[in-house]
Structures are given as C-alpha cells and as structure tokens.
Amino acid sequence: MPIPRVLRPRPTVRWRLTLLYTVMFVLCAAAVLAITYDLFANFAYTPPKPGFLPGGGPVSPTSVKVATAMSVQRSIGLHRLQIYSGIALAIMALVSGVLGWVVAGRVLAPLRTITATAERISATDLHERIAMTGPHDELRVLADTIDRLLERLEAAFEAQRRFVANASHELRTPLAMMRTTLDVAIAKPGGVPVQTRELDRELRVDLDHADRLLESFLTLARAHNGRLDEQGAVALEPLITTALTARAGQIAAQQLNVETRLRPVEVAGSSTLLGRMIDNVIENAVRHNQPGGSIELALEAVGGQEARITIDSSGPMLDHDAVAQLAQPFKRLRRDRTGSQNGHGLGLSIVAAVAAAHDGRLELHARDEGGLRVRITLPAAIPQRGEGVR
C-alpha cells in the first residue's frame, strides 16, 4: 500500500542531510556494539568447558555442574547484552535523527538566508544585496557570486530603461517638427489641394499613433522601474468609471453591453500608473470585442486584504496556452488583433508591469464561450471587512 502523499516529507536538502547523518551514526554505533560484543564474548567472559578444569585438576561432578552453570550464565548474559545493545541502538537512532535534524538546520541556515534574500530582491527590486558576512567559505563565495550577478542584472536593466526613456523623449522632437511642418503646409494662403489635405489627415493619424506608442514606452519604463514617484491610497472605482466614460462612443458604436459590479476599494500606489493600467485593460476589452458583444467588469475586495478587478469580454475563441503570452510586449494572437492603427501590442504588457510594480499580479484566461478574461489582483491599501469573497 503506497504511503499517502501528506505523510511523506518533502524531499528537501535538510531531510536528506538528516537521513545521511542518522544512517552514518547508526552504522557507526552498530559497528561499535558489534565489536564490543565480540570482545566481550571471546575474551572478557570465557568459562571453562564442562569436564575441563584449569590446571589439569581432577574432574568431579561438582566441577562439571559449576562449569555448566557458568556456561548457561554466559549464554544468558550474552543474550541480554544483545537485547540491551539493540535497545540502546534504537534509542540512539532516534536521538541521532533529532540531532541530525538540528545540525542540518544549523548547517543550512546561511543557505536559507541567501535564498530568502534572493527571493525578496527578485520580488521587489535589484538594488538590495545579500552582503553575507562571516568566514570566506563556500556559502560566502556563493553569496558574493549572487551579489555580482545582481549588480550585472541591475546595470543591464537600468541601461534598458534609460534607453527606452531617452529614445522616447528624443523622438518627441522630430514628431513635433513634423506636426509643425504639416501645420505650415496646410495654412498656406490660397488653400491647398484636396489630395494634400487627405495626406495631411493620414499623416496626423500616423503621428498620433506614434505619440501613443512613445507614451506607452515611457509608461512601461516607469512601471518596470518598480520605484513609484507617488504613493497614496487610490480609489479604483472612479478610475474605472472614468475609463468607461472616455470610451462611451466606441462602446455605443460597437453596440456593446457593459455590466459593472463595483465596490469601493482602495489600493496603495500611483494614481497615474493605476489609471493607465485600468484604461489599457478596458481599451483592450473594447477594441478586441465583437459587434453586439458584452463586457462584464467587477471590482471587489478579496479576503479583506486584496482588491480584484475582473473583466470578461466577448470575442472569438482563443488558444488557452497562447493567451498568457499577451502580457509580453508586442505579442498578439490573431491577425485581426494587429494592424498599424489597431493597437501597438503594449497594452497588456503595461498592465502586467504596473500590477507588478504595485506588488500585484495579472492573470489572463481564454473563456470557454470565446473572448478573454483579465484578472488583476492588488494589495488593498486598507483591509476591508465584510466585503470580500472567498
């Protein structure tokens, strides 16, 4: 009968070290007891055989009885020695298991410290270091190696963020000059041909798209930076209402049915980034919906400790395995989700980055009936009582 999984210990390094220490100690103790038994049986307690007395003296019935009694007593003593040795070995096996667990914990304590610190650094930012002290042993070398790796990673990420931010800022200047050139060309006295006005309209659409793309780059760089310039309690309900109102025209044009279930929940963070996050996720639900489709939006407190935003939008059938890739920059699933004027592939990646910057998470799921479910979970600024769901 197999052992239930709940009764089997997790195969950690500490368990393996404890088992190794216990086995080694039990083997050594068993060897010591075996040697002791052999020495005692062969040298320390050897009564004369019946019929043979030391010194070659005469054999008498009494001496035979004495020798027989001594042999019986020797057998009983050796048997008791075996039993007592087995009991002692069992007790010491239990004691060695406990001591092995304690010793293994002390040996692995620095490694647990390194692991916990590395997890905390990867979950927050790359500015902290392990900075392990103590003797320059293998664990210290490991911690120093991880610190150097974190330094290289931080430098690489900072260089990437600076490049994105600087490139976005620098590109604003030529875009502004292009707009100025168009303004001058259209404002010429005497009017301009119809073809020129049509070209002006198309160019301005492209320039607006480039502006939105640059703004998305800047927002993504700020969110990836993880250090929020503004911190405070932000109410999510007004942000959702504002985003829906801003797209009322698109919703009406597509004849979308929008249902909302909003509860007042506040989170700690940047109102600018959170507003952009909500605006992006609602824009995605509207842009990639189908005519006459639906959007269901819910805001609720979960367990009194978290705020959850759930948006279910109708649409075509999506691949369950590929949906998670939508949170990656410039990642799209279908040809109709691309197009030069129909999004730029950064919307949900910005949502994921902003959620991570606020210690939250983004979950994407393909709905069985078609469309996409977007779920954002953020830590609540103030624990809510009696409003959550389990």
Protein backbone atom coordinates (compact mmCIF):
# COMPACT_ATOMS: atom_id res chain seq x y z
CA MET A 1 0.00 0.00 0.00
CA PRO A 2 1.58 3.31 -1.03
CA ILE A 3 2.25 5.94 1.60
CA PRO A 4 -0.17 8.89 1.36
CA ARG A 5 1.49 11.99 -0.01
CA VAL A 6 0.53 14.05 3.04
CA LEU A 7 2.52 11.65 5.25
CA ARG A 8 5.65 11.73 3.13
CA PRO A 9 8.12 14.50 3.97
CA ARG A 10 9.08 16.89 1.22
CA PRO A 11 12.48 15.79 -0.17
CA THR A 12 14.41 18.84 0.98
CA VAL A 13 18.16 19.07 1.48
CA ARG A 14 17.61 19.21 5.23
CA TRP A 15 15.72 15.92 5.19
CA ARG A 16 18.42 14.30 3.06
CA LEU A 17 21.19 15.55 5.34
CA THR A 18 19.27 14.35 8.40
CA LEU A 19 18.84 10.91 6.85
CA LEU A 20 22.53 10.82 5.93
CA TYR A 21 23.64 11.84 9.44
CA THR A 22 21.29 9.30 11.05
CA VAL A 23 22.38 6.42 8.84
CA MET A 24 26.07 7.18 9.37
CA PHE A 25 25.65 7.41 13.15
CA VAL A 26 23.56 4.24 13.36
CA LEU A 27 26.11 2.32 11.26
CA CYS A 28 28.97 3.55 13.44
CA ALA A 29 27.08 2.74 16.64
CA ALA A 30 26.17 -0.71 15.31
CA ALA A 31 29.82 -1.35 14.46
CA VAL A 32 30.93 -0.27 17.95
CA LEU A 33 28.34 -2.52 19.61
CA ALA A 34 29.31 -5.46 17.39
CA ILE A 35 33.00 -5.06 18.24
CA THR A 36 32.18 -4.73 21.94
CA TYR A 37 30.03 -7.84 21.84
CA ASP A 38 32.73 -9.82 20.05
CA LEU A 39 35.43 -8.77 22.50
CA PHE A 40 33.21 -9.49 25.49
CA ALA A 41 32.16 -12.89 24.15
CA ASN A 42 35.64 -14.10 23.20
CA PHE A 43 37.95 -12.55 25.77
CA ALA A 44 36.22 -10.99 28.76
CA TYR A 45 33.87 -13.85 29.71
CA THR A 46 35.09 -17.37 28.78
CA PRO A 47 34.13 -20.02 31.44
CA PRO A 48 35.81 -23.45 31.32
CA LYS A 49 34.14 -26.14 29.28
CA PRO A 50 32.43 -28.94 31.25
CA GLY A 51 34.91 -31.74 32.09
CA PHE A 52 37.99 -29.47 31.81
CA LEU A 53 39.29 -27.56 34.82
CA PRO A 54 42.13 -25.06 34.83
CA GLY A 55 45.49 -26.52 35.96
CA GLY A 56 44.51 -30.05 34.92
CA GLY A 57 42.89 -30.83 38.28
CA PRO A 58 40.63 -33.80 38.80
CA VAL A 59 37.17 -33.66 37.32
CA SER A 60 34.32 -34.07 39.77
CA PRO A 61 30.57 -33.92 39.46
CA THR A 62 30.62 -30.61 41.33
CA SER A 63 33.11 -29.05 38.95
CA VAL A 64 31.03 -30.20 35.99
CA LYS A 65 27.92 -28.61 37.48
CA VAL A 66 29.84 -25.38 38.11
CA ALA A 67 31.16 -25.26 34.57
CA THR A 68 27.71 -25.98 33.14
CA ALA A 69 26.13 -23.28 35.27
CA MET A 70 28.80 -20.81 34.18
CA SER A 71 28.15 -21.63 30.51
CA VAL A 72 24.41 -21.17 30.96
CA GLN A 73 25.01 -17.90 32.75
CA ARG A 74 27.34 -16.80 29.95
CA SER A 75 24.67 -17.54 27.34
CA ILE A 76 22.07 -15.62 29.32
CA GLY A 77 24.46 -12.68 29.76
CA LEU A 78 25.34 -12.56 26.08
CA HIS A 79 21.65 -12.72 25.16
CA ARG A 80 20.86 -9.87 27.49
CA LEU A 81 23.79 -7.93 26.07
CA GLN A 82 22.30 -8.34 22.59
CA ILE A 83 18.88 -7.14 23.75
CA TYR A 84 20.26 -4.16 25.65
CA SER A 85 22.52 -3.26 22.74
CA GLY A 86 19.55 -3.35 20.36
CA ILE A 87 17.51 -1.13 22.67
CA ALA A 88 20.41 1.28 23.05
CA LEU A 89 20.90 1.33 19.26
CA ALA A 90 17.20 2.09 18.69
CA ILE A 91 17.26 4.92 21.26
CA MET A 92 20.41 6.40 19.77
CA ALA A 93 18.93 6.12 16.25
CA LEU A 94 16.01 8.28 17.40
CA VAL A 95 18.34 10.69 19.18
CA SER A 96 20.66 10.84 16.17
CA GLY A 97 17.67 11.66 13.92
CA VAL A 98 16.70 14.61 16.14
CA LEU A 99 20.30 15.79 16.46
CA GLY A 100 20.82 15.34 12.71
CA TRP A 101 17.76 17.50 12.01
CA VAL A 102 19.07 20.23 14.32
CA VAL A 103 22.61 20.08 12.94
CA ALA A 104 21.37 20.07 9.35
CA GLY A 105 19.25 23.13 10.12
CA ARG A 106 22.23 24.98 11.54
CA VAL A 107 24.39 23.99 8.59
CA LEU A 108 21.76 25.14 6.09
CA ALA A 109 20.80 28.33 7.96
CA PRO A 110 23.13 30.55 5.87
CA LEU A 111 21.80 28.96 2.68
CA ARG A 112 18.21 29.70 3.76
CA THR A 113 19.22 33.29 4.42
CA ILE A 114 20.72 33.56 0.94
CA THR A 115 17.60 32.03 -0.64
CA ALA A 116 15.18 34.27 1.27
CA THR A 117 17.17 37.40 0.45
CA ALA A 118 17.44 36.47 -3.22
CA GLU A 119 13.66 35.85 -3.40
CA ARG A 120 12.94 39.18 -1.72
CA ILE A 121 15.28 41.00 -4.09
CA SER A 122 13.78 39.38 -7.19
CA ALA A 123 10.26 40.14 -5.94
CA THR A 124 10.92 43.84 -5.23
CA ASP A 125 13.95 45.38 -6.91
CA LEU A 126 17.58 44.69 -7.73
CA HIS A 127 19.09 47.40 -5.53
CA GLU A 128 19.47 45.25 -2.41
CA ARG A 129 22.38 42.87 -1.92
CA ILE A 130 22.86 39.75 0.18
CA ALA A 131 26.11 41.13 1.67
CA MET A 132 26.81 37.96 3.65
CA THR A 133 29.35 38.22 6.47
CA GLY A 134 31.39 35.56 8.23
CA PRO A 135 34.20 33.25 7.15
CA HIS A 136 35.12 33.13 3.48
CA ASP A 137 33.76 29.62 2.95
CA GLU A 138 31.73 28.08 0.13
CA LEU A 139 28.49 29.77 1.23
CA ARG A 140 30.18 33.16 1.37
CA VAL A 141 31.56 32.60 -2.14
CA LEU A 142 28.04 31.68 -3.32
CA ALA A 143 26.54 34.85 -1.78
CA ASP A 144 29.25 37.04 -3.31
CA THR A 145 28.68 35.44 -6.70
CA ILE A 146 24.93 36.14 -6.49
CA ASP A 147 25.68 39.76 -5.49
CA ARG A 148 27.89 40.23 -8.54
CA LEU A 149 25.18 38.68 -10.73
CA LEU A 150 22.61 41.08 -9.27
CA GLU A 151 24.91 44.01 -9.98
CA ARG A 152 25.21 42.99 -13.64
CA LEU A 153 21.45 42.45 -13.91
CA GLU A 154 20.70 45.81 -12.34
CA ALA A 155 23.13 47.55 -14.69
CA ALA A 156 21.57 45.82 -17.70
CA PHE A 157 18.00 46.70 -16.67
CA GLU A 158 18.93 50.29 -15.88
CA ALA A 159 20.60 50.65 -19.27
CA GLN A 160 17.50 49.26 -20.96
CA ARG A 161 15.18 51.59 -19.05
CA ARG A 162 17.37 54.63 -19.76
CA PHE A 163 17.47 53.75 -23.44
CA VAL A 164 13.70 53.41 -23.69
CA ALA A 165 13.08 56.62 -21.75
CA ASN A 166 15.73 58.65 -23.60
CA ALA A 167 14.70 57.32 -27.00
CA SER A 168 11.05 58.13 -26.29
CA HIS A 169 11.91 61.67 -25.22
CA GLU A 170 14.24 62.26 -28.15
CA LEU A 171 11.68 61.02 -30.67
CA ARG A 172 9.16 63.57 -29.46
CA THR A 173 11.15 66.39 -31.04
CA PRO A 174 11.07 65.16 -34.66
CA LEU A 175 7.39 64.25 -34.24
CA ALA A 176 6.64 67.77 -33.07
CA MET A 177 8.60 69.19 -36.01
CA MET A 178 6.57 67.01 -38.39
CA ARG A 179 3.34 68.37 -36.94
CA THR A 180 4.63 71.92 -37.30
CA THR A 181 5.58 71.29 -40.92
CA LEU A 182 2.10 69.96 -41.61
CA ASP A 183 0.52 72.98 -39.93
CA VAL A 184 2.60 75.33 -42.09
CA ALA A 185 1.79 73.42 -45.28
CA ILE A 186 -1.97 73.40 -44.61
CA ALA A 187 -2.04 77.06 -43.53
CA LYS A 188 -0.65 78.40 -46.82
CA PRO A 189 -2.70 81.28 -48.23
CA GLY A 190 -4.81 80.44 -51.22
CA GLY A 191 -5.74 76.99 -49.99
CA VAL A 192 -4.24 73.58 -50.69
CA PRO A 193 -5.34 70.75 -52.97
CA VAL A 194 -7.72 68.10 -51.73
CA GLN A 195 -5.02 65.44 -52.09
CA THR A 196 -2.75 67.42 -49.77
CA ARG A 197 -5.45 67.67 -47.11
CA GLU A 198 -6.09 63.94 -47.37
CA LEU A 199 -2.36 63.27 -46.99
CA ASP A 200 -2.28 65.63 -44.00
CA ARG A 201 -5.13 63.72 -42.37
CA GLU A 202 -3.41 60.36 -42.86
CA LEU A 203 -0.06 61.66 -41.61
CA ARG A 204 -1.64 63.09 -38.48
CA VAL A 205 -3.27 59.73 -37.75
CA ASP A 206 0.15 58.10 -38.02
CA LEU A 207 1.70 60.77 -35.82
CA ASP A 208 -1.00 60.25 -33.17
CA HIS A 209 -0.27 56.54 -33.24
CA ALA A 210 3.46 57.23 -32.82
CA ASP A 211 2.72 59.55 -29.89
CA ARG A 212 0.65 56.86 -28.19
CA LEU A 213 3.41 54.34 -28.79
CA LEU A 214 6.04 56.63 -27.22
CA GLU A 215 3.76 57.32 -24.26
CA SER A 216 3.34 53.57 -23.82
CA PHE A 217 7.12 53.13 -23.87
CA LEU A 218 7.50 55.75 -21.13
CA THR A 219 4.76 54.18 -19.01
CA LEU A 220 6.28 50.73 -19.44
CA ALA A 221 9.72 52.02 -18.44
CA ARG A 222 8.28 53.68 -15.31
CA ALA A 223 6.39 50.55 -14.33
CA HIS A 224 9.39 48.28 -14.89
CA ASN A 225 11.48 50.63 -12.77
CA GLY A 226 9.47 49.49 -9.74
CA ARG A 227 10.06 52.74 -7.84
CA LEU A 228 6.84 54.77 -7.75
CA ASP A 229 7.15 58.54 -7.73
CA GLU A 230 3.81 58.95 -5.98
CA GLN A 231 2.38 56.84 -3.20
CA GLY A 232 -1.03 57.10 -1.67
CA ALA A 233 -4.44 55.50 -1.25
CA VAL A 234 -6.05 55.29 -4.69
CA ALA A 235 -9.74 54.51 -5.15
CA LEU A 236 -10.17 52.21 -8.13
CA GLU A 237 -13.89 52.74 -8.72
CA PRO A 238 -13.55 56.33 -10.06
CA LEU A 239 -10.70 55.26 -12.35
CA ILE A 240 -12.85 52.52 -13.86
CA THR A 241 -15.80 54.87 -14.29
CA THR A 242 -13.60 57.47 -15.98
CA ALA A 243 -12.12 54.91 -18.37
CA LEU A 244 -15.59 53.62 -19.34
CA THR A 245 -16.88 57.16 -19.86
CA ALA A 246 -13.92 58.02 -22.11
CA ARG A 247 -14.84 55.11 -24.39
CA ALA A 248 -18.58 55.57 -24.36
CA GLY A 249 -18.51 56.46 -28.05
CA GLN A 250 -16.64 53.30 -29.04
CA ILE A 251 -18.91 51.18 -26.84
CA ALA A 252 -22.02 52.68 -28.46
CA ALA A 253 -20.58 52.29 -31.97
CA GLN A 254 -19.96 48.59 -31.39
CA GLN A 255 -23.27 48.19 -29.53
CA LEU A 256 -21.55 46.54 -26.59
CA ASN A 257 -23.50 45.56 -23.48
CA VAL A 258 -21.49 46.68 -20.42
CA GLU A 259 -22.31 45.35 -16.96
CA THR A 260 -20.43 46.57 -13.87
CA ARG A 261 -20.32 45.40 -10.27
CA LEU A 262 -18.12 47.90 -8.46
CA ARG A 263 -17.37 48.08 -4.77
CA PRO A 264 -15.36 50.87 -3.14
CA VAL A 265 -11.82 49.51 -2.74
CA GLU A 266 -8.58 51.43 -2.33
CA VAL A 267 -5.03 50.33 -3.10
CA ALA A 268 -1.70 51.97 -2.30
CA GLY A 269 0.31 53.26 -5.22
CA SER A 270 0.49 55.71 -8.08
CA SER A 271 -2.83 57.04 -9.32
CA THR A 272 -1.24 57.87 -12.70
CA LEU A 273 0.06 54.36 -13.32
CA LEU A 274 -3.05 52.68 -11.93
CA GLY A 275 -5.24 54.89 -14.12
CA ARG A 276 -3.19 53.93 -17.17
CA MET A 277 -3.43 50.26 -16.21
CA ILE A 278 -7.22 50.35 -15.95
CA ASP A 279 -7.51 52.45 -19.11
CA ASN A 280 -5.42 49.93 -21.04
CA VAL A 281 -7.35 46.87 -19.87
CA ILE A 282 -10.71 48.49 -20.68
CA GLU A 283 -9.40 49.69 -24.05
CA ASN A 284 -8.30 46.13 -24.80
CA ALA A 285 -11.75 44.78 -23.89
CA VAL A 286 -13.47 47.32 -26.17
CA ARG A 287 -11.01 47.27 -29.07
CA HIS A 288 -10.87 43.49 -29.48
CA ASN A 289 -14.54 42.83 -28.83
CA GLN A 290 -17.09 41.85 -31.44
CA PRO A 291 -20.06 43.96 -32.58
CA GLY A 292 -23.01 43.42 -30.26
CA GLY A 293 -20.76 41.72 -27.71
CA SER A 294 -20.54 42.18 -23.97
CA ILE A 295 -18.17 43.38 -21.25
CA GLU A 296 -18.60 42.34 -17.62
CA LEU A 297 -16.50 44.29 -15.16
CA ALA A 298 -16.26 43.56 -11.43
CA LEU A 299 -14.31 45.26 -8.65
CA GLU A 300 -14.30 43.57 -5.27
CA ALA A 301 -12.32 43.03 -2.09
CA VAL A 302 -10.96 39.51 -1.63
CA GLY A 303 -10.44 38.25 1.89
CA GLY A 304 -10.28 41.83 3.15
CA GLN A 305 -6.63 42.07 2.06
CA GLU A 306 -6.71 42.33 -1.74
CA ALA A 307 -8.54 44.22 -4.48
CA ARG A 308 -9.53 42.24 -7.57
CA ILE A 309 -10.54 43.63 -10.95
CA THR A 310 -12.11 41.12 -13.33
CA ILE A 311 -13.04 41.95 -16.92
CA ASP A 312 -14.79 39.39 -19.11
CA SER A 313 -15.03 40.45 -22.74
CA SER A 314 -16.68 38.54 -25.57
CA GLY A 315 -14.87 37.72 -28.76
CA PRO A 316 -13.51 34.88 -30.89
CA MET A 317 -12.21 31.62 -29.46
CA LEU A 318 -8.64 31.95 -28.20
CA ASP A 319 -5.95 29.38 -27.53
CA HIS A 320 -5.64 28.72 -23.80
CA ASP A 321 -1.88 28.13 -23.90
CA ALA A 322 -1.08 31.17 -26.02
CA VAL A 323 -3.22 33.67 -24.08
CA ALA A 324 -0.59 34.06 -21.34
CA GLN A 325 1.83 35.45 -23.94
CA LEU A 326 -0.36 38.52 -24.41
CA ALA A 327 1.33 40.10 -21.38
CA GLN A 328 4.61 40.21 -23.33
CA PRO A 329 5.43 43.39 -25.30
CA PHE A 330 4.29 43.37 -28.94
CA LYS A 331 2.72 39.91 -28.52
CA ARG A 332 -0.57 39.24 -30.29
CA LEU A 333 -2.54 36.12 -31.06
CA ARG A 334 -4.54 36.76 -34.18
CA ARG A 335 -4.06 38.73 -37.35
CA ASP A 336 -7.16 40.80 -36.56
CA ARG A 337 -5.52 41.84 -33.28
CA THR A 338 -2.74 43.53 -35.26
CA GLY A 339 -2.73 46.39 -37.67
CA SER A 340 -0.93 49.69 -37.72
CA GLN A 341 -3.87 51.62 -36.28
CA ASN A 342 -5.44 48.96 -34.10
CA GLY A 343 -3.18 48.89 -31.09
CA HIS A 344 0.55 48.58 -30.72
CA GLY A 345 0.93 45.39 -28.66
CA LEU A 346 1.95 47.10 -25.41
CA GLY A 347 -1.43 47.42 -23.65
CA LEU A 348 -1.46 44.25 -21.56
CA SER A 349 2.31 44.29 -21.04
CA ILE A 350 1.87 47.71 -19.42
CA VAL A 351 -0.95 46.30 -17.31
CA ALA A 352 1.30 43.44 -16.14
CA ALA A 353 4.20 45.81 -15.39
CA VAL A 354 2.03 48.26 -13.41
CA ALA A 355 0.45 45.43 -11.44
CA ALA A 356 3.88 44.00 -10.60
CA ALA A 357 5.14 47.46 -9.56
CA HIS A 358 2.27 47.56 -7.03
CA ASP A 359 3.04 44.03 -5.72
CA GLY A 360 0.09 42.65 -7.66
CA ARG A 361 -0.37 40.20 -10.49
CA LEU A 362 -2.13 39.88 -13.84
CA GLU A 363 -3.91 36.70 -14.92
CA LEU A 364 -5.17 36.07 -18.45
CA HIS A 365 -7.59 33.27 -19.33
CA ALA A 366 -9.32 32.30 -22.55
CA ARG A 367 -13.07 31.99 -21.95
CA ASP A 368 -14.76 28.76 -22.97
CA GLU A 369 -17.51 30.71 -24.72
CA GLY A 370 -14.98 32.91 -26.54
CA GLY A 371 -13.21 36.10 -25.62
CA LEU A 372 -10.78 36.94 -22.84
CA ARG A 373 -10.90 37.14 -19.05
CA VAL A 374 -8.48 39.60 -17.46
CA ARG A 375 -8.00 39.45 -13.71
CA ILE A 376 -5.85 41.94 -11.79
CA THR A 377 -5.15 41.41 -8.08
CA LEU A 378 -3.60 44.18 -5.99
CA PRO A 379 -2.95 44.54 -2.24
CA ALA A 380 -5.64 46.66 -0.60
CA ALA A 381 -4.49 49.90 0.99
CA ILE A 382 -6.78 49.44 4.00
CA PRO A 383 -8.07 45.98 4.92
CA GLN A 384 -11.77 45.77 4.05
CA ARG A 385 -14.10 43.97 6.42
CA GLY A 386 -17.19 42.11 5.34
CA GLU A 387 -16.77 42.96 1.64
CA GLY A 388 -14.65 40.13 0.36
CA VAL A 389 -15.43 36.84 -1.26
CA ARG A 390 -13.72 33.56 -0.65
